[in-house]
């Protein structure tokens, strides 16, 4: 498999799958263009070589053609960042797209309309009647999956080489992330810089681990992180579990958690994870104290309490000072750090202190030579809020893709390029 640095794009047309699913305000202004800027090095490399680029991306979750989710809204910003007038095709496939792609000159860029305007991109049937039978649903799935291959073939026909630079969608077997790769030989399909950097970052954490290795997992539910927690318990030295899942563990061991979020059907699972940590020799750390509130609001009354002694009518919204100190001590003495999930409701100013303490401890460890990987939408937003993103080793653009990759799952978008 060639790398993007090895490949000469001179005179070649490249189909580049990116993730330009950026947030817009009500006036269709981009509020955060990070995802666009993240793929600029890949696009610019191709253009500098003397190649041309066909950009394919999804945008939102449309179930039909929807003007509010048209890529024409982000076209001006893409043109501005690239410093050239990017051409636009009003459909991802069809005569206009084919003609414009065929007519591209070296140094030119064509943006295709939202790939998800076509059900074939995701391979999921749409507009099934509510009373559809299992047989009808199965038949519709088979039909759309056959069409998915044809859709991918049409996209592939525009280009000489396929470049996947969309790590955030690598866990989905979609037409433009997986099926399209079939139509390019091994020497003409490769990862873009962003995709390769994401893969390198995860593999550095999981395969080239310097110890102690500490993972900090936050989030509201144990259930949403069970896969990665189980996988990490076979790899880490320290596992810090924080956020809303804290209270499921507290209740599992007889604690009083007031109105705090809890998964009552996961109490036994919590006990099993604690036991697995003991068996594996992993230091499992849970918050011991919490900043509690009498309502889920930034303006609520607040107090501090042990996580297993929260009064009725109160709920834990952040870790307390004792938890901050114990977490920070372990983090600062780590050599490899993974952080996914804030330990508190950092969106509320009055409950951001714990998340800031964790972020600052990671920065301190990084400054001492630790490798730190930050991932997950909320976690990235958190570290960006504190202005510390440039002080850690790597901030991942992947959400679900990162979690599944960390779980040890084979991602379709990666396998399609690597071939194994």
Protein backbone atom coordinates (compact mmCIF):
# COMPACT_ATOMS: atom_id res chain seq x y z
CA UNK A 1 0.00 0.00 0.00
CA UNK A 2 1.37 3.40 -1.00
CA UNK A 3 1.35 6.41 1.27
CA UNK A 4 0.14 9.81 0.13
CA UNK A 5 3.72 11.14 0.27
CA UNK A 6 4.92 8.40 -2.07
CA UNK A 7 2.17 8.88 -4.64
CA UNK A 8 2.64 11.27 -7.56
CA UNK A 9 -0.72 12.84 -8.42
CA UNK A 10 0.58 14.67 -11.50
CA UNK A 11 -2.07 14.51 -14.21
CA UNK A 12 -4.31 12.35 -12.00
CA UNK A 13 -7.87 12.94 -10.86
CA UNK A 14 -8.33 11.98 -7.19
CA UNK A 15 -11.66 11.21 -5.53
CA UNK A 16 -11.09 12.39 -1.97
CA UNK A 17 -13.59 11.29 0.66
CA UNK A 18 -13.57 13.87 3.45
CA UNK A 19 -15.73 14.59 6.47
CA UNK A 20 -16.98 18.13 5.98
CA UNK A 21 -20.02 17.60 8.22
CA UNK A 22 -19.52 20.96 9.91
CA UNK A 23 -22.00 22.80 12.17
CA UNK A 24 -24.03 25.69 10.74
CA UNK A 25 -26.06 28.41 12.40
CA UNK A 26 -29.59 29.39 11.32
CA UNK A 27 -28.18 31.64 8.58
CA UNK A 28 -26.08 28.74 7.22
CA UNK A 29 -22.83 30.22 8.47
CA UNK A 30 -20.19 27.68 9.52
CA UNK A 31 -19.63 27.93 13.26
CA UNK A 32 -16.61 25.60 13.37
CA UNK A 33 -14.58 24.79 10.24
CA UNK A 34 -12.12 22.44 11.97
CA UNK A 35 -13.13 19.44 9.87
CA UNK A 36 -12.58 21.31 6.62
CA UNK A 37 -9.18 22.62 7.68
CA UNK A 38 -8.17 19.14 8.83
CA UNK A 39 -8.25 17.81 5.25
CA UNK A 40 -6.57 20.78 3.57
CA UNK A 41 -3.07 19.20 3.69
CA UNK A 42 -4.34 16.20 1.71
CA UNK A 43 -6.11 18.29 -0.91
CA UNK A 44 -3.19 20.72 -1.23
CA UNK A 45 -0.69 17.87 -1.69
CA UNK A 46 -2.69 16.58 -4.66
CA UNK A 47 -3.00 20.05 -6.20
CA UNK A 48 0.68 20.83 -5.66
CA UNK A 49 1.62 17.62 -7.49
CA UNK A 50 -0.40 18.77 -10.47
CA UNK A 51 -3.47 16.68 -9.87
CA UNK A 52 -7.15 17.59 -9.62
CA UNK A 53 -9.60 16.76 -6.83
CA UNK A 54 -13.19 15.55 -6.68
CA UNK A 55 -14.44 16.05 -3.11
CA UNK A 56 -17.11 13.73 -1.72
CA UNK A 57 -18.65 14.15 1.72
CA UNK A 58 -21.86 13.61 3.65
CA UNK A 59 -23.63 16.43 5.47
CA UNK A 60 -26.16 15.81 8.21
CA UNK A 61 -28.61 12.92 8.10
CA UNK A 62 -31.03 13.68 5.26
CA UNK A 63 -33.71 11.18 4.31
CA UNK A 64 -34.29 12.99 1.01
CA UNK A 65 -32.91 15.98 -0.91
CA UNK A 66 -32.96 18.84 1.57
CA UNK A 67 -31.80 22.35 0.65
CA UNK A 68 -30.85 23.09 4.25
CA UNK A 69 -28.30 20.25 4.01
CA UNK A 70 -26.91 21.21 0.63
CA UNK A 71 -23.14 21.55 0.41
CA UNK A 72 -23.59 24.81 -1.50
CA UNK A 73 -23.78 26.44 1.94
CA UNK A 74 -20.19 25.49 2.73
CA UNK A 75 -18.79 25.89 -0.80
CA UNK A 76 -17.65 29.53 -0.27
CA UNK A 77 -15.64 28.61 2.83
CA UNK A 78 -13.97 25.68 1.09
CA UNK A 79 -13.01 27.98 -1.79
CA UNK A 80 -11.70 30.58 0.64
CA UNK A 81 -9.56 28.10 2.57
CA UNK A 82 -8.12 26.57 -0.61
CA UNK A 83 -7.59 29.94 -2.24
CA UNK A 84 -9.37 29.00 -5.48
CA UNK A 85 -12.86 28.83 -6.95
CA UNK A 86 -14.12 25.33 -6.19
CA UNK A 87 -16.54 24.00 -8.80
CA UNK A 88 -19.84 22.48 -7.68
CA UNK A 89 -22.01 19.65 -9.02
CA UNK A 90 -25.66 19.80 -8.02
CA UNK A 91 -25.74 16.03 -7.67
CA UNK A 92 -23.17 13.44 -6.61
CA UNK A 93 -23.88 11.28 -9.65
CA UNK A 94 -25.42 12.03 -13.01
CA UNK A 95 -24.50 13.80 -16.22
CA UNK A 96 -23.48 17.11 -14.65
CA UNK A 97 -21.12 15.52 -12.12
CA UNK A 98 -19.60 13.20 -14.73
CA UNK A 99 -19.08 16.04 -17.22
CA UNK A 100 -17.51 18.38 -14.69
CA UNK A 101 -15.26 15.64 -13.30
CA UNK A 102 -14.12 14.68 -16.82
CA UNK A 103 -13.34 18.31 -17.62
CA UNK A 104 -11.24 19.01 -14.54
CA UNK A 105 -7.82 20.48 -15.25
CA UNK A 106 -4.77 20.04 -13.03
CA UNK A 107 -5.10 22.29 -9.98
CA UNK A 108 -8.91 22.36 -10.07
CA UNK A 109 -11.34 21.11 -7.43
CA UNK A 110 -14.92 19.87 -7.80
CA UNK A 111 -17.27 19.48 -4.84
CA UNK A 112 -20.06 16.96 -5.29
CA UNK A 113 -23.46 17.52 -3.68
CA UNK A 114 -24.24 15.75 -0.38
CA UNK A 115 -23.64 12.02 -0.85
CA UNK A 116 -26.40 11.17 1.61
CA UNK A 117 -29.04 12.68 -0.65
CA UNK A 118 -28.80 9.19 -2.16
CA UNK A 119 -30.02 6.26 -0.06
CA UNK A 120 -27.38 4.15 -1.84
CA UNK A 121 -24.59 5.94 0.06
CA UNK A 122 -25.59 4.38 3.38
CA UNK A 123 -27.20 1.30 1.87
CA UNK A 124 -30.35 1.72 3.93
CA UNK A 125 -33.84 1.54 2.38
CA UNK A 126 -36.02 4.62 2.79
CA UNK A 127 -39.75 5.28 2.65
CA UNK A 128 -40.78 1.80 3.72
CA UNK A 129 -44.41 1.66 4.87
CA UNK A 130 -44.87 1.38 8.63
CA UNK A 131 -46.64 -1.94 8.19
CA UNK A 132 -43.88 -3.46 6.02
CA UNK A 133 -43.34 -7.15 6.68
CA UNK A 134 -39.96 -8.63 7.57
CA UNK A 135 -39.82 -10.16 4.10
CA UNK A 136 -40.48 -6.79 2.46
CA UNK A 137 -37.84 -5.11 4.62
CA UNK A 138 -35.27 -7.79 3.80
CA UNK A 139 -36.05 -7.49 0.09
CA UNK A 140 -35.69 -3.70 0.24
CA UNK A 141 -32.33 -4.04 2.00
CA UNK A 142 -31.01 -6.43 -0.65
CA UNK A 143 -32.13 -4.10 -3.43
CA UNK A 144 -30.56 -0.99 -1.93
CA UNK A 145 -27.31 -2.82 -1.18
CA UNK A 146 -27.06 -3.88 -4.82
CA UNK A 147 -27.68 -0.29 -5.85
CA UNK A 148 -24.98 0.78 -3.37
CA UNK A 149 -22.33 -1.01 -5.42
CA UNK A 150 -23.51 0.71 -8.61
CA UNK A 151 -23.48 4.09 -6.86
CA UNK A 152 -19.91 3.47 -5.67
CA UNK A 153 -18.88 2.45 -9.20
CA UNK A 154 -20.22 5.73 -10.62
CA UNK A 155 -18.27 7.76 -8.05
CA UNK A 156 -15.12 5.74 -8.78
CA UNK A 157 -15.49 6.37 -12.54
CA UNK A 158 -14.68 10.05 -12.01
CA UNK A 159 -11.14 9.44 -10.79
CA UNK A 160 -7.83 7.66 -11.29
CA UNK A 161 -7.08 7.32 -7.59
CA UNK A 162 -9.12 7.08 -4.38
CA UNK A 163 -8.05 8.86 -1.19
CA UNK A 164 -9.93 8.33 2.08
CA UNK A 165 -9.38 11.19 4.51
CA UNK A 166 -12.59 10.75 6.53
CA UNK A 167 -11.68 8.91 9.72
CA UNK A 168 -14.96 9.97 11.35
CA UNK A 169 -16.86 7.71 8.93
CA UNK A 170 -14.36 4.84 8.78
CA UNK A 171 -16.60 2.64 10.96
CA UNK A 172 -19.41 2.77 8.41
CA UNK A 173 -19.50 0.48 5.36
CA UNK A 174 -20.87 3.18 3.05
CA UNK A 175 -20.52 3.44 -0.71
CA UNK A 176 -17.96 6.26 -0.65
CA UNK A 177 -15.93 4.92 2.28
CA UNK A 178 -15.77 1.20 1.55
CA UNK A 179 -17.42 -0.09 -1.63
CA UNK A 180 -15.72 2.48 -3.86
CA UNK A 181 -12.28 1.09 -3.00
CA UNK A 182 -13.07 -2.13 -4.90
CA UNK A 183 -12.77 -0.21 -8.17
CA UNK A 184 -9.16 0.85 -7.57
CA UNK A 185 -6.13 -1.42 -7.46
CA UNK A 186 -3.85 -1.59 -4.46
CA UNK A 187 -1.54 1.11 -5.80
CA UNK A 188 -4.35 3.59 -6.45
CA UNK A 189 -6.16 3.71 -3.12
CA UNK A 190 -4.60 5.30 -0.08
CA UNK A 191 -5.18 7.19 3.15
CA UNK A 192 -5.06 10.97 3.30
CA UNK A 193 -2.88 12.71 5.89
CA UNK A 194 -5.70 13.10 8.42
CA UNK A 195 -6.78 9.47 8.16
CA UNK A 196 -3.20 8.23 8.47
CA UNK A 197 -2.53 10.49 11.45
CA UNK A 198 -5.63 9.18 13.21
CA UNK A 199 -4.59 5.58 12.64
CA UNK A 200 -1.03 6.32 13.80
CA UNK A 201 -2.30 8.01 16.97
CA UNK A 202 -4.51 5.09 18.01
CA UNK A 203 -1.89 2.48 17.15
CA UNK A 204 0.74 4.41 19.10
CA UNK A 205 -1.51 4.24 22.17
CA UNK A 206 -2.54 0.60 21.77
CA UNK A 207 0.50 -1.03 20.16
CA UNK A 208 3.49 1.11 21.12
CA UNK A 209 2.44 1.87 24.66
CA UNK A 210 4.79 3.53 27.10
CA UNK A 211 3.83 2.82 30.69
CA UNK A 212 2.15 3.71 32.92
CA UNK A 213 -0.84 3.84 30.55
CA UNK A 214 -3.85 5.71 31.94
CA UNK A 215 -7.27 5.96 30.31
CA UNK A 216 -9.88 8.47 31.47
CA UNK A 217 -13.40 7.52 30.42
CA UNK A 218 -16.30 9.84 31.09
CA UNK A 219 -19.84 10.05 29.81
CA UNK A 220 -23.30 9.47 31.13
CA UNK A 221 -23.68 5.74 30.55
CA UNK A 222 -21.65 2.62 31.21
CA UNK A 223 -23.54 0.93 28.37
CA UNK A 224 -22.20 3.30 25.71
CA UNK A 225 -18.60 2.64 26.75
CA UNK A 226 -18.74 -1.04 27.74
CA UNK A 227 -16.87 -2.23 24.66
CA UNK A 228 -13.95 0.13 25.03
CA UNK A 229 -13.81 -0.27 28.83
CA UNK A 230 -13.57 -4.05 28.47
CA UNK A 231 -10.83 -3.72 25.87
CA UNK A 232 -8.89 -1.18 27.91
CA UNK A 233 -8.97 -3.38 31.01
CA UNK A 234 -6.70 -5.73 29.08
CA UNK A 235 -4.26 -2.93 28.22
CA UNK A 236 -4.09 -0.10 30.76
CA UNK A 237 -2.37 0.28 34.10
CA UNK A 238 -4.90 2.82 35.38
CA UNK A 239 -8.52 3.32 34.38
CA UNK A 240 -10.32 6.42 35.62
CA UNK A 241 -14.11 6.21 35.24
CA UNK A 242 -15.91 9.51 35.69
CA UNK A 243 -18.95 11.45 34.53
CA UNK A 244 -22.49 10.18 34.89
CA UNK A 245 -21.45 6.53 34.93
CA UNK A 246 -19.92 7.15 38.37
CA UNK A 247 -23.33 6.93 39.97
CA UNK A 248 -24.16 3.55 38.46
CA UNK A 249 -21.04 2.20 40.16
CA UNK A 250 -21.85 4.00 43.41
CA UNK A 251 -25.37 2.55 43.51
CA UNK A 252 -24.09 -0.93 42.58
CA UNK A 253 -22.15 -0.99 45.82
CA UNK A 254 -25.01 0.28 47.99
CA UNK A 255 -24.42 4.01 47.71
CA UNK A 256 -27.08 6.69 47.95
CA UNK A 257 -27.01 8.81 44.79
CA UNK A 258 -30.06 11.06 45.07
CA UNK A 259 -31.35 12.14 41.65
CA UNK A 260 -28.07 11.43 39.85
CA UNK A 261 -28.20 9.71 36.48
CA UNK A 262 -28.04 5.93 36.78
CA UNK A 263 -28.48 2.77 34.71
CA UNK A 264 -30.29 0.42 37.04
CA UNK A 265 -29.98 -2.45 34.57
CA UNK A 266 -26.18 -2.13 34.57
CA UNK A 267 -25.51 -2.48 38.32
CA UNK A 268 -24.27 -6.06 38.00
CA UNK A 269 -22.15 -5.09 35.03
CA UNK A 270 -20.51 -2.38 37.13
CA UNK A 271 -19.58 -4.98 39.74
CA UNK A 272 -18.20 -7.26 37.03
CA UNK A 273 -15.98 -4.49 35.67
CA UNK A 274 -14.59 -3.77 39.12
CA UNK A 275 -13.82 -7.45 39.56
CA UNK A 276 -12.18 -7.69 36.12
CA UNK A 277 -9.95 -4.75 36.99
CA UNK A 278 -8.82 -6.56 40.15
CA UNK A 279 -8.11 -9.77 38.27
CA UNK A 280 -6.14 -7.89 35.60
CA UNK A 281 -4.17 -5.86 38.11
CA UNK A 282 -5.60 -2.59 36.80
CA UNK A 283 -5.97 0.32 39.18
CA UNK A 284 -9.62 1.30 38.68
CA UNK A 285 -10.38 4.77 39.98
CA UNK A 286 -13.85 6.19 40.55
CA UNK A 287 -14.69 9.61 41.89
CA UNK A 288 -14.99 9.72 45.65
CA UNK A 289 -16.69 13.10 45.94
CA UNK A 290 -18.96 15.14 43.70
CA UNK A 291 -20.14 18.66 43.18
CA UNK A 292 -23.87 18.28 43.49
CA UNK A 293 -26.81 20.46 42.46
CA UNK A 294 -30.49 20.67 43.32
CA UNK A 295 -31.39 20.83 39.61
CA UNK A 296 -29.76 20.31 36.23
CA UNK A 297 -28.90 23.96 35.72
CA UNK A 298 -25.88 26.23 35.81
CA UNK A 299 -27.76 28.39 38.31
CA UNK A 300 -28.70 25.57 40.68
CA UNK A 301 -27.74 25.52 44.33
CA UNK A 302 -24.52 23.59 44.79
CA UNK A 303 -22.71 21.65 47.48
CA UNK A 304 -20.14 18.86 47.80
CA UNK A 305 -20.84 15.31 48.94
CA UNK A 306 -19.33 11.82 48.83
CA UNK A 307 -20.54 10.09 45.65
CA UNK A 308 -22.32 7.46 47.75
CA UNK A 309 -24.03 9.93 50.10
CA UNK A 310 -25.91 12.30 47.81
CA UNK A 311 -29.16 13.56 49.37
CA UNK A 312 -32.55 13.06 47.76
CA UNK A 313 -33.40 15.89 45.38
CA UNK A 314 -29.73 16.47 44.52
CA UNK A 315 -27.61 15.13 41.65
CA UNK A 316 -23.93 14.93 40.87
CA UNK A 317 -22.85 17.18 37.99
CA UNK A 318 -19.07 17.26 38.46
CA UNK A 319 -16.27 15.61 40.39
CA UNK A 320 -15.23 17.18 43.68
CA UNK A 321 -11.79 18.45 44.83
CA UNK A 322 -10.68 15.11 46.33
CA UNK A 323 -11.40 13.31 43.06
CA UNK A 324 -9.66 16.06 41.10
CA UNK A 325 -6.51 15.67 43.21
CA UNK A 326 -6.37 11.86 43.07
CA UNK A 327 -7.07 11.76 39.32
CA UNK A 328 -4.47 14.46 38.61
CA UNK A 329 -1.77 12.66 40.56
CA UNK A 330 -2.18 9.47 38.51
CA UNK A 331 -2.45 11.35 35.21
CA UNK A 332 0.66 13.44 35.81
CA UNK A 333 2.71 10.30 36.44
CA UNK A 334 1.55 8.56 33.26
CA UNK A 335 3.47 8.07 30.01
CA UNK A 336 0.51 7.24 27.75
CA UNK A 337 -2.89 8.87 28.22
CA UNK A 338 -6.25 8.38 26.52
CA UNK A 339 -9.11 10.73 27.38
CA UNK A 340 -12.65 10.13 26.14
CA UNK A 341 -15.50 11.78 28.01
CA UNK A 342 -15.50 14.76 30.42
CA UNK A 343 -15.95 14.03 34.14
CA UNK A 344 -18.63 16.68 34.55
CA UNK A 345 -21.17 18.88 32.78
CA UNK A 346 -18.44 21.18 31.45
CA UNK A 347 -20.96 23.07 29.30
CA UNK A 348 -22.15 24.72 32.54
CA UNK A 349 -19.53 27.13 33.86
CA UNK A 350 -20.27 26.17 37.45
CA UNK A 351 -19.57 22.48 36.70
CA UNK A 352 -16.50 22.71 34.45
CA UNK A 353 -13.84 22.71 37.17
CA UNK A 354 -13.33 18.95 37.22
CA UNK A 355 -12.95 18.75 33.45
CA UNK A 356 -10.47 21.61 33.50
CA UNK A 357 -8.46 19.89 36.25
CA UNK A 358 -8.25 16.69 34.20
CA UNK A 359 -7.27 18.62 31.05
CA UNK A 360 -4.56 20.56 32.89
CA UNK A 361 -3.16 17.36 34.40
CA UNK A 362 -2.96 15.82 30.91
CA UNK A 363 -1.16 18.93 29.65
CA UNK A 364 1.31 18.71 32.53
CA UNK A 365 2.01 15.04 31.76
CA UNK A 366 2.42 15.82 28.06
CA UNK A 367 4.95 18.54 28.87
CA UNK A 368 6.94 15.89 30.75
CA UNK A 369 7.00 13.63 27.68
CA UNK A 370 3.78 11.61 27.89
CA UNK A 371 1.81 10.81 24.73
CA UNK A 372 -1.78 12.04 25.09
CA UNK A 373 -4.67 11.20 22.77
CA UNK A 374 -7.93 13.13 23.17
CA UNK A 375 -11.05 11.92 21.37
CA UNK A 376 -14.82 12.09 21.25
CA UNK A 377 -17.01 15.06 20.36
CA UNK A 378 -17.67 16.25 23.91
CA UNK A 379 -14.07 15.80 24.96
CA UNK A 380 -12.75 17.72 21.96
CA UNK A 381 -15.25 20.52 22.61
CA UNK A 382 -14.14 20.50 26.23
CA UNK A 383 -10.41 20.85 25.59
CA UNK A 384 -11.09 23.45 22.92
CA UNK A 385 -13.17 25.43 25.40
CA UNK A 386 -10.19 25.57 27.74
CA UNK A 387 -7.80 26.51 24.91
CA UNK A 388 -5.56 23.51 25.55
CA UNK A 389 -5.91 21.51 22.32
CA UNK A 390 -2.46 22.52 21.10
CA UNK A 391 -0.85 21.39 24.37
CA UNK A 392 -1.69 17.68 24.07
CA UNK A 393 -0.17 15.17 21.64
CA UNK A 394 -3.16 14.51 19.39
CA UNK A 395 -6.82 15.51 19.21
CA UNK A 396 -8.88 13.02 17.21
CA UNK A 397 -11.63 14.06 14.79
CA UNK A 398 -13.34 10.70 15.19
CA UNK A 399 -16.24 9.98 17.53
CA UNK A 400 -17.81 6.57 17.02
CA UNK A 401 -14.95 5.57 14.71
CA UNK A 402 -12.38 6.28 17.41
CA UNK A 403 -14.29 4.28 20.03
CA UNK A 404 -14.72 1.29 17.75
CA UNK A 405 -11.07 1.41 16.70
CA UNK A 406 -10.02 1.59 20.36
CA UNK A 407 -12.27 -1.41 21.05
CA UNK A 408 -10.13 -3.37 18.63
CA UNK A 409 -12.80 -3.59 15.94
CA UNK A 410 -11.85 -3.78 12.27
CA UNK A 411 -13.12 -0.58 10.63
CA UNK A 412 -14.53 -1.06 7.10
CA UNK A 413 -13.02 2.20 5.82
CA UNK A 414 -9.55 1.13 6.92
CA UNK A 415 -9.83 -2.45 5.74
CA UNK A 416 -10.97 -1.24 2.30
CA UNK A 417 -7.61 0.49 1.82
CA UNK A 418 -5.29 -1.89 3.65
CA UNK A 419 -6.99 -4.99 2.28
CA UNK A 420 -6.68 -6.93 5.56
